[in-house]
Amino acid sequence: METNRVGHLSALSSLSALAQESRLEVFRLLVQAGASGLPAGDIAKRLKIPASSLSFHLNNLAQGLLINSTREGRSIIYSANFDQMRGLVAYLLENCCAGECGANTRDASV
């Protein structure tokens, strides 16, 4: 599987979006939800985030290219942008471990 490489500015934007507790929780929830995603109301209920705050966080994650949104009727469904996530991880591991990270990072537990 080929991953999309992200550039320096794209990585900074994504990492900046994740550098806040509520946004990180939202992103992790959307990763768990998979490709089908979740409507904003469900995200708000599950994470107990007020709708106005959630809107701000979703917008920030979208600007960081970490989530996608799709309108379904009157609802907007949010899902994780897995291509961006894979590209970000690849970017972070690009120069890791003196070229020996392939085997070590797959089995390492953090």
PDB file of N, CA and C in Angstrom:
ATOM      1  N   MET A   1       0.839  -1.171   0.000  1.00  0.00           N
ATOM      2  CA  MET A   1       0.000   0.000   0.000  1.00  0.00           C
ATOM      3  C   MET A   1       0.887   1.238   0.000  1.00  0.00           C
ATOM      4  N   GLU A   2       0.637   2.135  -0.909  1.00  0.00           N
ATOM      5  CA  GLU A   2       1.398   3.373  -0.990  1.00  0.00           C
ATOM      6  C   GLU A   2       0.696   4.440  -0.162  1.00  0.00           C
ATOM      7  N   THR A   3       1.485   5.174   0.618  1.00  0.00           N
ATOM      8  CA  THR A   3       0.896   6.240   1.410  1.00  0.00           C
ATOM      9  C   THR A   3       1.161   7.579   0.750  1.00  0.00           C
ATOM     10  N   ASN A   4       0.239   8.485   0.932  1.00  0.00           N
ATOM     11  CA  ASN A   4       0.450   9.843   0.454  1.00  0.00           C
ATOM     12  C   ASN A   4       1.430  10.513   1.392  1.00  0.00           C
ATOM     13  N   ARG A   5       2.493  11.042   0.843  1.00  0.00           N
ATOM     14  CA  ARG A   5       3.456  11.781   1.658  1.00  0.00           C
ATOM     15  C   ARG A   5       2.905  13.176   1.887  1.00  0.00           C
ATOM     16  N   VAL A   6       3.045  13.665   3.079  1.00  0.00           N
ATOM     17  CA  VAL A   6       2.657  15.037   3.347  1.00  0.00           C
ATOM     18  C   VAL A   6       3.922  15.874   3.433  1.00  0.00           C
ATOM     19  N   GLY A   7       3.801  17.128   3.115  1.00  0.00           N
ATOM     20  CA  GLY A   7       4.923  18.040   3.200  1.00  0.00           C
ATOM     21  C   GLY A   7       5.036  18.642   4.590  1.00  0.00           C
ATOM     22  N   HIS A   8       6.070  19.421   4.752  1.00  0.00           N
ATOM     23  CA  HIS A   8       6.368  20.043   6.038  1.00  0.00           C
ATOM     24  C   HIS A   8       5.197  20.900   6.538  1.00  0.00           C
ATOM     25  N   LEU A   9       4.665  21.775   5.695  1.00  0.00           N
ATOM     26  CA  LEU A   9       3.579  22.663   6.122  1.00  0.00           C
ATOM     27  C   LEU A   9       2.293  21.897   6.408  1.00  0.00           C
ATOM     28  N   SER A  10       2.015  20.876   5.617  1.00  0.00           N
ATOM     29  CA  SER A  10       0.834  20.053   5.848  1.00  0.00           C
ATOM     30  C   SER A  10       0.957  19.301   7.171  1.00  0.00           C
ATOM     31  N   ALA A  11       2.151  18.799   7.458  1.00  0.00           N
ATOM     32  CA  ALA A  11       2.384  18.107   8.731  1.00  0.00           C
ATOM     33  C   ALA A  11       2.195  19.065   9.901  1.00  0.00           C
ATOM     34  N   LEU A  12       2.717  20.272   9.783  1.00  0.00           N
ATOM     35  CA  LEU A  12       2.551  21.260  10.853  1.00  0.00           C
ATOM     36  C   LEU A  12       1.082  21.585  11.081  1.00  0.00           C
ATOM     37  N   SER A  13       0.337  21.737  10.007  1.00  0.00           N
ATOM     38  CA  SER A  13      -1.081  22.047  10.106  1.00  0.00           C
ATOM     39  C   SER A  13      -1.849  20.914  10.799  1.00  0.00           C
ATOM     40  N   SER A  14      -1.554  19.678  10.416  1.00  0.00           N
ATOM     41  CA  SER A  14      -2.228  18.527  11.029  1.00  0.00           C
ATOM     42  C   SER A  14      -1.849  18.373  12.497  1.00  0.00           C
ATOM     43  N   LEU A  15      -0.573  18.493  12.803  1.00  0.00           N
ATOM     44  CA  LEU A  15      -0.128  18.355  14.188  1.00  0.00           C
ATOM     45  C   LEU A  15      -0.693  19.469  15.056  1.00  0.00           C
ATOM     46  N   SER A  16      -0.763  20.663  14.517  1.00  0.00           N
ATOM     47  CA  SER A  16      -1.334  21.789  15.252  1.00  0.00           C
ATOM     48  C   SER A  16      -2.803  21.526  15.574  1.00  0.00           C
ATOM     49  N   ALA A  17      -3.532  20.981  14.617  1.00  0.00           N
ATOM     50  CA  ALA A  17      -4.950  20.679  14.833  1.00  0.00           C
ATOM     51  C   ALA A  17      -5.138  19.626  15.918  1.00  0.00           C
ATOM     52  N   LEU A  18      -4.215  18.690  16.027  1.00  0.00           N
ATOM     53  CA  LEU A  18      -4.327  17.617  17.017  1.00  0.00           C
ATOM     54  C   LEU A  18      -3.831  18.025  18.405  1.00  0.00           C
ATOM     55  N   ALA A  19      -3.190  19.174  18.500  1.00  0.00           N
ATOM     56  CA  ALA A  19      -2.536  19.584  19.747  1.00  0.00           C
ATOM     57  C   ALA A  19      -3.507  20.247  20.715  1.00  0.00           C
ATOM     58  N   GLN A  20      -4.672  19.672  20.855  1.00  0.00           N
ATOM     59  CA  GLN A  20      -5.682  20.168  21.786  1.00  0.00           C
ATOM     60  C   GLN A  20      -6.532  18.970  22.189  1.00  0.00           C
ATOM     61  N   GLU A  21      -6.832  18.848  23.465  1.00  0.00           N
ATOM     62  CA  GLU A  21      -7.473  17.643  23.993  1.00  0.00           C
ATOM     63  C   GLU A  21      -8.791  17.282  23.304  1.00  0.00           C
ATOM     64  N   SER A  22      -9.691  18.230  23.156  1.00  0.00           N
ATOM     65  CA  SER A  22     -10.995  17.920  22.537  1.00  0.00           C
ATOM     66  C   SER A  22     -10.839  17.506  21.086  1.00  0.00           C
ATOM     67  N   ARG A  23      -9.977  18.199  20.341  1.00  0.00           N
ATOM     68  CA  ARG A  23      -9.780  17.845  18.933  1.00  0.00           C
ATOM     69  C   ARG A  23      -9.157  16.465  18.795  1.00  0.00           C
ATOM     70  N   LEU A  24      -8.221  16.144  19.670  1.00  0.00           N
ATOM     71  CA  LEU A  24      -7.619  14.811  19.636  1.00  0.00           C
ATOM     72  C   LEU A  24      -8.674  13.748  19.930  1.00  0.00           C
ATOM     73  N   GLU A  25      -9.556  14.011  20.886  1.00  0.00           N
ATOM     74  CA  GLU A  25     -10.641  13.064  21.202  1.00  0.00           C
ATOM     75  C   GLU A  25     -11.584  12.898  20.014  1.00  0.00           C
ATOM     76  N   VAL A  26     -11.931  14.004  19.370  1.00  0.00           N
ATOM     77  CA  VAL A  26     -12.814  13.939  18.196  1.00  0.00           C
ATOM     78  C   VAL A  26     -12.155  13.116  17.094  1.00  0.00           C
ATOM     79  N   PHE A  27     -10.897  13.394  16.824  1.00  0.00           N
ATOM     80  CA  PHE A  27     -10.204  12.664  15.763  1.00  0.00           C
ATOM     81  C   PHE A  27     -10.124  11.175  16.084  1.00  0.00           C
ATOM     82  N   ARG A  28      -9.781  10.835  17.313  1.00  0.00           N
ATOM     83  CA  ARG A  28      -9.705   9.413  17.696  1.00  0.00           C
ATOM     84  C   ARG A  28     -11.067   8.730  17.567  1.00  0.00           C
ATOM     85  N   LEU A  29     -12.135   9.431  17.939  1.00  0.00           N
ATOM     86  CA  LEU A  29     -13.483   8.867  17.796  1.00  0.00           C
ATOM     87  C   LEU A  29     -13.799   8.620  16.321  1.00  0.00           C
ATOM     88  N   LEU A  30     -13.431   9.569  15.458  1.00  0.00           N
ATOM     89  CA  LEU A  30     -13.702   9.397  14.026  1.00  0.00           C
ATOM     90  C   LEU A  30     -12.846   8.284  13.426  1.00  0.00           C
ATOM     91  N   VAL A  31     -11.640   8.104  13.914  1.00  0.00           N
ATOM     92  CA  VAL A  31     -10.818   6.977  13.460  1.00  0.00           C
ATOM     93  C   VAL A  31     -11.507   5.668  13.839  1.00  0.00           C
ATOM     94  N   GLN A  32     -12.035   5.595  15.061  1.00  0.00           N
ATOM     95  CA  GLN A  32     -12.739   4.390  15.509  1.00  0.00           C
ATOM     96  C   GLN A  32     -13.998   4.142  14.689  1.00  0.00           C
ATOM     97  N   ALA A  33     -14.664   5.214  14.271  1.00  0.00           N
ATOM     98  CA  ALA A  33     -15.909   5.075  13.498  1.00  0.00           C
ATOM     99  C   ALA A  33     -15.665   4.541  12.098  1.00  0.00           C
ATOM    100  N   GLY A  34     -14.441   4.694  11.602  1.00  0.00           N
ATOM    101  CA  GLY A  34     -14.116   4.180  10.277  1.00  0.00           C
ATOM    102  C   GLY A  34     -14.623   5.079   9.168  1.00  0.00           C
ATOM    103  N   ALA A  35     -14.677   4.520   7.974  1.00  0.00           N
ATOM    104  CA  ALA A  35     -15.022   5.289   6.774  1.00  0.00           C
ATOM    105  C   ALA A  35     -16.451   5.815   6.801  1.00  0.00           C
ATOM    106  N   SER A  36     -17.347   5.173   7.537  1.00  0.00           N
ATOM    107  CA  SER A  36     -18.741   5.636   7.571  1.00  0.00           C
ATOM    108  C   SER A  36     -18.899   6.928   8.359  1.00  0.00           C
ATOM    109  N   GLY A  37     -17.991   7.213   9.278  1.00  0.00           N
ATOM    110  CA  GLY A  37     -18.010   8.463  10.015  1.00  0.00           C
ATOM    111  C   GLY A  37     -19.181   8.582  10.969  1.00  0.00           C
ATOM    112  N   LEU A  38     -19.387   9.805  11.462  1.00  0.00           N
ATOM    113  CA  LEU A  38     -20.456  10.086  12.420  1.00  0.00           C
ATOM    114  C   LEU A  38     -21.031  11.474  12.167  1.00  0.00           C
ATOM    115  N   PRO A  39     -22.330  11.629  12.425  1.00  0.00           N
ATOM    116  CA  PRO A  39     -22.903  12.973  12.360  1.00  0.00           C
ATOM    117  C   PRO A  39     -22.427  13.810  13.552  1.00  0.00           C
ATOM    118  N   ALA A  40     -22.414  15.120  13.374  1.00  0.00           N
ATOM    119  CA  ALA A  40     -21.935  16.020  14.414  1.00  0.00           C
ATOM    120  C   ALA A  40     -22.677  15.817  15.735  1.00  0.00           C
ATOM    121  N   GLY A  41     -23.979  15.602  15.669  1.00  0.00           N
ATOM    122  CA  GLY A  41     -24.761  15.400  16.894  1.00  0.00           C
ATOM    123  C   GLY A  41     -24.292  14.199  17.693  1.00  0.00           C
ATOM    124  N   ASP A  42     -23.965  13.117  17.014  1.00  0.00           N
ATOM    125  CA  ASP A  42     -23.469  11.919  17.703  1.00  0.00           C
ATOM    126  C   ASP A  42     -22.109  12.179  18.343  1.00  0.00           C
ATOM    127  N   ILE A  43     -21.254  12.904  17.639  1.00  0.00           N
ATOM    128  CA  ILE A  43     -19.938  13.232  18.185  1.00  0.00           C
ATOM    129  C   ILE A  43     -20.116  14.053  19.459  1.00  0.00           C
ATOM    130  N   ALA A  44     -20.972  15.056  19.397  1.00  0.00           N
ATOM    131  CA  ALA A  44     -21.215  15.930  20.547  1.00  0.00           C
ATOM    132  C   ALA A  44     -21.737  15.135  21.743  1.00  0.00           C
ATOM    133  N   LYS A  45     -22.689  14.238  21.505  1.00  0.00           N
ATOM    134  CA  LYS A  45     -23.258  13.432  22.594  1.00  0.00           C
ATOM    135  C   LYS A  45     -22.217  12.502  23.206  1.00  0.00           C
ATOM    136  N   ARG A  46     -21.480  11.796  22.358  1.00  0.00           N
ATOM    137  CA  ARG A  46     -20.506  10.815  22.853  1.00  0.00           C
ATOM    138  C   ARG A  46     -19.379  11.461  23.648  1.00  0.00           C
ATOM    139  N   LEU A  47     -18.956  12.640  23.204  1.00  0.00           N
ATOM    140  CA  LEU A  47     -17.824  13.291  23.863  1.00  0.00           C
ATOM    141  C   LEU A  47     -18.255  14.389  24.835  1.00  0.00           C
ATOM    142  N   LYS A  48     -19.573  14.618  24.924  1.00  0.00           N
ATOM    143  CA  LYS A  48     -20.117  15.647  25.819  1.00  0.00           C
ATOM    144  C   LYS A  48     -19.482  17.010  25.555  1.00  0.00           C
ATOM    145  N   ILE A  49     -19.482  17.388  24.273  1.00  0.00           N
ATOM    146  CA  ILE A  49     -18.949  18.676  23.843  1.00  0.00           C
ATOM    147  C   ILE A  49     -20.132  19.505  23.333  1.00  0.00           C
ATOM    148  N   PRO A  50     -20.287  20.746  23.812  1.00  0.00           N
ATOM    149  CA  PRO A  50     -21.371  21.603  23.288  1.00  0.00           C
ATOM    150  C   PRO A  50     -21.237  21.803  21.779  1.00  0.00           C
ATOM    151  N   ALA A  51     -22.373  21.923  21.119  1.00  0.00           N
ATOM    152  CA  ALA A  51     -22.390  22.032  19.653  1.00  0.00           C
ATOM    153  C   ALA A  51     -21.529  23.190  19.147  1.00  0.00           C
ATOM    154  N   SER A  52     -21.581  24.334  19.813  1.00  0.00           N
ATOM    155  CA  SER A  52     -20.795  25.486  19.351  1.00  0.00           C
ATOM    156  C   SER A  52     -19.301  25.209  19.451  1.00  0.00           C
ATOM    157  N   SER A  53     -18.875  24.556  20.518  1.00  0.00           N
ATOM    158  CA  SER A  53     -17.458  24.192  20.663  1.00  0.00           C
ATOM    159  C   SER A  53     -17.065  23.130  19.650  1.00  0.00           C
ATOM    160  N   LEU A  54     -17.949  22.152  19.448  1.00  0.00           N
ATOM    161  CA  LEU A  54     -17.651  21.081  18.505  1.00  0.00           C
ATOM    162  C   LEU A  54     -17.457  21.641  17.096  1.00  0.00           C
ATOM    163  N   SER A  55     -18.289  22.567  16.709  1.00  0.00           N
ATOM    164  CA  SER A  55     -18.170  23.180  15.382  1.00  0.00           C
ATOM    165  C   SER A  55     -16.784  23.811  15.204  1.00  0.00           C
ATOM    166  N   PHE A  56     -16.328  24.517  16.222  1.00  0.00           N
ATOM    167  CA  PHE A  56     -14.997  25.130  16.187  1.00  0.00           C
ATOM    168  C   PHE A  56     -13.917  24.057  16.020  1.00  0.00           C
ATOM    169  N   HIS A  57     -14.020  22.972  16.790  1.00  0.00           N
ATOM    170  CA  HIS A  57     -13.015  21.907  16.733  1.00  0.00           C
ATOM    171  C   HIS A  57     -13.046  21.172  15.393  1.00  0.00           C
ATOM    172  N   LEU A  58     -14.223  20.905  14.875  1.00  0.00           N
ATOM    173  CA  LEU A  58     -14.337  20.245  13.575  1.00  0.00           C
ATOM    174  C   LEU A  58     -13.738  21.111  12.471  1.00  0.00           C
ATOM    175  N   ASN A  59     -13.976  22.402  12.539  1.00  0.00           N
ATOM    176  CA  ASN A  59     -13.408  23.316  11.555  1.00  0.00           C
ATOM    177  C   ASN A  59     -11.877  23.294  11.621  1.00  0.00           C
ATOM    178  N   ASN A  60     -11.346  23.274  12.818  1.00  0.00           N
ATOM    179  CA  ASN A  60      -9.892  23.237  12.994  1.00  0.00           C
ATOM    180  C   ASN A  60      -9.307  21.940  12.441  1.00  0.00           C
ATOM    181  N   LEU A  61      -9.958  20.816  12.700  1.00  0.00           N
ATOM    182  CA  LEU A  61      -9.491  19.531  12.171  1.00  0.00           C
ATOM    183  C   LEU A  61      -9.583  19.500  10.646  1.00  0.00           C
ATOM    184  N   ALA A  62     -10.619  20.115  10.094  1.00  0.00           N
ATOM    185  CA  ALA A  62     -10.760  20.180   8.633  1.00  0.00           C
ATOM    186  C   ALA A  62      -9.645  21.033   8.026  1.00  0.00           C
ATOM    187  N   GLN A  63      -9.315  22.140   8.676  1.00  0.00           N
ATOM    188  CA  GLN A  63      -8.220  22.980   8.184  1.00  0.00           C
ATOM    189  C   GLN A  63      -6.888  22.236   8.250  1.00  0.00           C
ATOM    190  N   GLY A  64      -6.757  21.332   9.207  1.00  0.00           N
ATOM    191  CA  GLY A  64      -5.553  20.501   9.313  1.00  0.00           C
ATOM    192  C   GLY A  64      -5.590  19.297   8.378  1.00  0.00           C
ATOM    193  N   LEU A  65      -6.620  19.216   7.544  1.00  0.00           N
ATOM    194  CA  LEU A  65      -6.801  18.152   6.545  1.00  0.00           C
ATOM    195  C   LEU A  65      -7.003  16.771   7.167  1.00  0.00           C
ATOM    196  N   LEU A  66      -7.409  16.722   8.429  1.00  0.00           N
ATOM    197  CA  LEU A  66      -7.536  15.447   9.128  1.00  0.00           C
ATOM    198  C   LEU A  66      -8.922  14.826   9.055  1.00  0.00           C
ATOM    199  N   ILE A  67      -9.928  15.605   8.668  1.00  0.00           N
ATOM    200  CA  ILE A  67     -11.276  15.059   8.562  1.00  0.00           C
ATOM    201  C   ILE A  67     -11.923  15.501   7.253  1.00  0.00           C
ATOM    202  N   ASN A  68     -12.897  14.713   6.840  1.00  0.00           N
ATOM    203  CA  ASN A  68     -13.720  15.012   5.671  1.00  0.00           C
ATOM    204  C   ASN A  68     -15.153  15.185   6.151  1.00  0.00           C
ATOM    205  N   SER A  69     -15.939  15.920   5.395  1.00  0.00           N
ATOM    206  CA  SER A  69     -17.357  16.060   5.725  1.00  0.00           C
ATOM    207  C   SER A  69     -18.184  15.825   4.468  1.00  0.00           C
ATOM    208  N   THR A  70     -19.328  15.180   4.677  1.00  0.00           N
ATOM    209  CA  THR A  70     -20.247  14.872   3.585  1.00  0.00           C
ATOM    210  C   THR A  70     -21.661  15.176   4.054  1.00  0.00           C
ATOM    211  N   ARG A  71     -22.402  15.896   3.241  1.00  0.00           N
ATOM    212  CA  ARG A  71     -23.797  16.190   3.592  1.00  0.00           C
ATOM    213  C   ARG A  71     -24.671  15.009   3.203  1.00  0.00           C
ATOM    214  N   GLU A  72     -25.478  14.568   4.170  1.00  0.00           N
ATOM    215  CA  GLU A  72     -26.487  13.530   3.931  1.00  0.00           C
ATOM    216  C   GLU A  72     -27.814  14.069   4.436  1.00  0.00           C
ATOM    217  N   GLY A  73     -28.622  14.540   3.518  1.00  0.00           N
ATOM    218  CA  GLY A  73     -29.883  15.167   3.915  1.00  0.00           C
ATOM    219  C   GLY A  73     -29.604  16.430   4.711  1.00  0.00           C
ATOM    220  N   ARG A  74     -30.121  16.485   5.929  1.00  0.00           N
ATOM    221  CA  ARG A  74     -29.896  17.663   6.767  1.00  0.00           C
ATOM    222  C   ARG A  74     -28.694  17.482   7.689  1.00  0.00           C
ATOM    223  N   SER A  75     -28.075  16.334   7.648  1.00  0.00           N
ATOM    224  CA  SER A  75     -26.927  16.061   8.516  1.00  0.00           C
ATOM    225  C   SER A  75     -25.615  16.199   7.763  1.00  0.00           C
ATOM    226  N   ILE A  76     -24.579  16.522   8.504  1.00  0.00           N
ATOM    227  CA  ILE A  76     -23.227  16.489   7.955  1.00  0.00           C
ATOM    228  C   ILE A  76     -22.503  15.360   8.666  1.00  0.00           C
ATOM    229  N   ILE A  77     -21.964  14.445   7.866  1.00  0.00           N
ATOM    230  CA  ILE A  77     -21.252  13.292   8.396  1.00  0.00           C
ATOM    231  C   ILE A  77     -19.754  13.589   8.329  1.00  0.00           C
ATOM    232  N   TYR A  78     -19.083  13.437   9.443  1.00  0.00           N
ATOM    233  CA  TYR A  78     -17.645  13.678   9.531  1.00  0.00           C
ATOM    234  C   TYR A  78     -16.920  12.351   9.620  1.00  0.00           C
ATOM    235  N   SER A  79     -15.808  12.251   8.910  1.00  0.00           N
ATOM    236  CA  SER A  79     -14.997  11.035   8.951  1.00  0.00           C
ATOM    237  C   SER A  79     -13.523  11.417   8.938  1.00  0.00           C
ATOM    238  N   ALA A  80     -12.704  10.525   9.468  1.00  0.00           N
ATOM    239  CA  ALA A  80     -11.262  10.754   9.478  1.00  0.00           C
ATOM    240  C   ALA A  80     -10.730  10.678   8.053  1.00  0.00           C
ATOM    241  N   ASN A  81      -9.764  11.521   7.756  1.00  0.00           N
ATOM    242  CA  ASN A  81      -9.080  11.489   6.464  1.00  0.00           C
ATOM    243  C   ASN A  81      -7.887  10.533   6.628  1.00  0.00           C
ATOM    244  N   PHE A  82      -8.120   9.270   6.324  1.00  0.00           N
ATOM    245  CA  PHE A  82      -7.103   8.247   6.548  1.00  0.00           C
ATOM    246  C   PHE A  82      -5.870   8.436   5.674  1.00  0.00           C
ATOM    247  N   ASP A  83      -6.043   8.984   4.474  1.00  0.00           N
ATOM    248  CA  ASP A  83      -4.881   9.251   3.619  1.00  0.00           C
ATOM    249  C   ASP A  83      -3.950  10.268   4.279  1.00  0.00           C
ATOM    250  N   GLN A  84      -4.533  11.330   4.831  1.00  0.00           N
ATOM    251  CA  GLN A  84      -3.714  12.343   5.511  1.00  0.00           C
ATOM    252  C   GLN A  84      -3.057  11.749   6.759  1.00  0.00           C
ATOM    253  N   MET A  85      -3.797  10.935   7.502  1.00  0.00           N
ATOM    254  CA  MET A  85      -3.249  10.328   8.711  1.00  0.00           C
ATOM    255  C   MET A  85      -2.057   9.426   8.364  1.00  0.00           C
ATOM    256  N   ARG A  86      -2.212   8.596   7.341  1.00  0.00           N
ATOM    257  CA  ARG A  86      -1.112   7.716   6.931  1.00  0.00           C
ATOM    258  C   ARG A  86       0.085   8.531   6.451  1.00  0.00           C
ATOM    259  N   GLY A  87      -0.199   9.582   5.684  1.00  0.00           N
ATOM    260  CA  GLY A  87       0.875  10.439   5.197  1.00  0.00           C
ATOM    261  C   GLY A  87       1.607  11.140   6.322  1.00  0.00           C
ATOM    262  N   LEU A  88       0.870  11.563   7.337  1.00  0.00           N
ATOM    263  CA  LEU A  88       1.480  12.226   8.491  1.00  0.00           C
ATOM    264  C   LEU A  88       2.377  11.256   9.251  1.00  0.00           C
ATOM    265  N   VAL A  89       1.903  10.050   9.468  1.00  0.00           N
ATOM    266  CA  VAL A  89       2.716   9.038  10.159  1.00  0.00           C
ATOM    267  C   VAL A  89       3.964   8.724   9.338  1.00  0.00           C
ATOM    268  N   ALA A  90       3.810   8.592   8.028  1.00  0.00           N
ATOM    269  CA  ALA A  90       4.972   8.339   7.166  1.00  0.00           C
ATOM    270  C   ALA A  90       5.967   9.490   7.254  1.00  0.00           C
ATOM    271  N   TYR A  91       5.455  10.718   7.272  1.00  0.00           N
ATOM    272  CA  TYR A  91       6.319  11.893   7.386  1.00  0.00           C
ATOM    273  C   TYR A  91       7.098  11.858   8.705  1.00  0.00           C
ATOM    274  N   LEU A  92       6.410  11.521   9.786  1.00  0.00           N
ATOM    275  CA  LEU A  92       7.059  11.499  11.098  1.00  0.00           C
ATOM    276  C   LEU A  92       8.107  10.388  11.209  1.00  0.00           C
ATOM    277  N   LEU A  93       7.895   9.293  10.498  1.00  0.00           N
ATOM    278  CA  LEU A  93       8.817   8.158  10.579  1.00  0.00           C
ATOM    279  C   LEU A  93       9.869   8.158   9.475  1.00  0.00           C
ATOM    280  N   GLU A  94       9.786   9.121   8.585  1.00  0.00           N
ATOM    281  CA  GLU A  94      10.638   9.144   7.399  1.00  0.00           C
ATOM    282  C   GLU A  94      12.126   8.960   7.690  1.00  0.00           C
ATOM    283  N   ASN A  95      12.637   9.606   8.691  1.00  0.00           N
ATOM    284  CA  ASN A  95      14.070   9.540   8.993  1.00  0.00           C
ATOM    285  C   ASN A  95      14.334   8.885  10.341  1.00  0.00           C
ATOM    286  N   CYS A  96      13.461   8.004  10.729  1.00  0.00           N
ATOM    287  CA  CYS A  96      13.540   7.449  12.076  1.00  0.00           C
ATOM    288  C   CYS A  96      14.551   6.313  12.208  1.00  0.00           C
ATOM    289  N   CYS A  97      15.078   6.182  13.369  1.00  0.00           N
ATOM    290  CA  CYS A  97      15.800   4.989  13.823  1.00  0.00           C
ATOM    291  C   CYS A  97      16.979   4.598  12.948  1.00  0.00           C
ATOM    292  N   ALA A  98      17.685   5.551  12.398  1.00  0.00           N
ATOM    293  CA  ALA A  98      18.853   5.278  11.554  1.00  0.00           C
ATOM    294  C   ALA A  98      18.529   4.274  10.449  1.00  0.00           C
ATOM    295  N   GLY A  99      17.310   4.389   9.891  1.00  0.00           N
ATOM    296  CA  GLY A  99      16.901   3.515   8.801  1.00  0.00           C
ATOM    297  C   GLY A  99      16.470   2.134   9.240  1.00  0.00           C
ATOM    298  N   GLU A 100      16.350   1.890  10.541  1.00  0.00           N
ATOM    299  CA  GLU A 100      16.001   0.562  11.046  1.00  0.00           C
ATOM    300  C   GLU A 100      14.638   0.531  11.710  1.00  0.00           C
ATOM    301  N   CYS A 101      13.777   1.485  11.436  1.00  0.00           N
ATOM    302  CA  CYS A 101      12.507   1.554  12.163  1.00  0.00           C
ATOM    303  C   CYS A 101      11.467   0.581  11.634  1.00  0.00           C
ATOM    304  N   GLY A 102      11.640   0.048  10.449  1.00  0.00           N
ATOM    305  CA  GLY A 102      10.642  -0.842   9.876  1.00  0.00           C
ATOM    306  C   GLY A 102      10.216  -1.957  10.793  1.00  0.00           C
ATOM    307  N   ALA A 103      11.141  -2.751  11.286  1.00  0.00           N
ATOM    308  CA  ALA A 103      10.809  -3.880  12.149  1.00  0.00           C
ATOM    309  C   ALA A 103      10.537  -3.434  13.573  1.00  0.00           C
ATOM    310  N   ASN A 104      11.258  -2.438  14.053  1.00  0.00           N
ATOM    311  CA  ASN A 104      11.144  -2.036  15.447  1.00  0.00           C
ATOM    312  C   ASN A 104       9.832  -1.344  15.770  1.00  0.00           C
ATOM    313  N   THR A 105       9.312  -0.492  14.892  1.00  0.00           N
ATOM    314  CA  THR A 105       8.107   0.249  15.215  1.00  0.00           C
ATOM    315  C   THR A 105       6.848  -0.590  15.086  1.00  0.00           C
ATOM    316  N   ARG A 106       6.860  -1.632  14.297  1.00  0.00           N
ATOM    317  CA  ARG A 106       5.669  -2.476  14.165  1.00  0.00           C
ATOM    318  C   ARG A 106       5.407  -3.263  15.433  1.00  0.00           C
ATOM    319  N   ASP A 107       6.464  -3.687  16.098  1.00  0.00           N
ATOM    320  CA  ASP A 107       6.301  -4.537  17.259  1.00  0.00           C
ATOM    321  C   ASP A 107       6.393  -3.785  18.575  1.00  0.00           C
ATOM    322  N   ALA A 108       6.802  -2.530  18.539  1.00  0.00           N
ATOM    323  CA  ALA A 108       6.997  -1.779  19.777  1.00  0.00           C
ATOM    324  C   ALA A 108       5.656  -1.433  20.395  1.00  0.00           C
ATOM    325  N   SER A 109       5.593  -1.539  21.700  1.00  0.00           N
ATOM    326  CA  SER A 109       4.408  -1.081  22.418  1.00  0.00           C
ATOM    327  C   SER A 109       4.784   0.148  23.197  1.00  0.00           C
ATOM    328  N   VAL A 110       3.888   1.122  23.163  1.00  0.00           N
ATOM    329  CA  VAL A 110       4.168   2.404  23.819  1.00  0.00           C
ATOM    330  C   VAL A 110       3.381   2.507  25.080  1.00  0.00           C
TER     331      VAL A 110
END
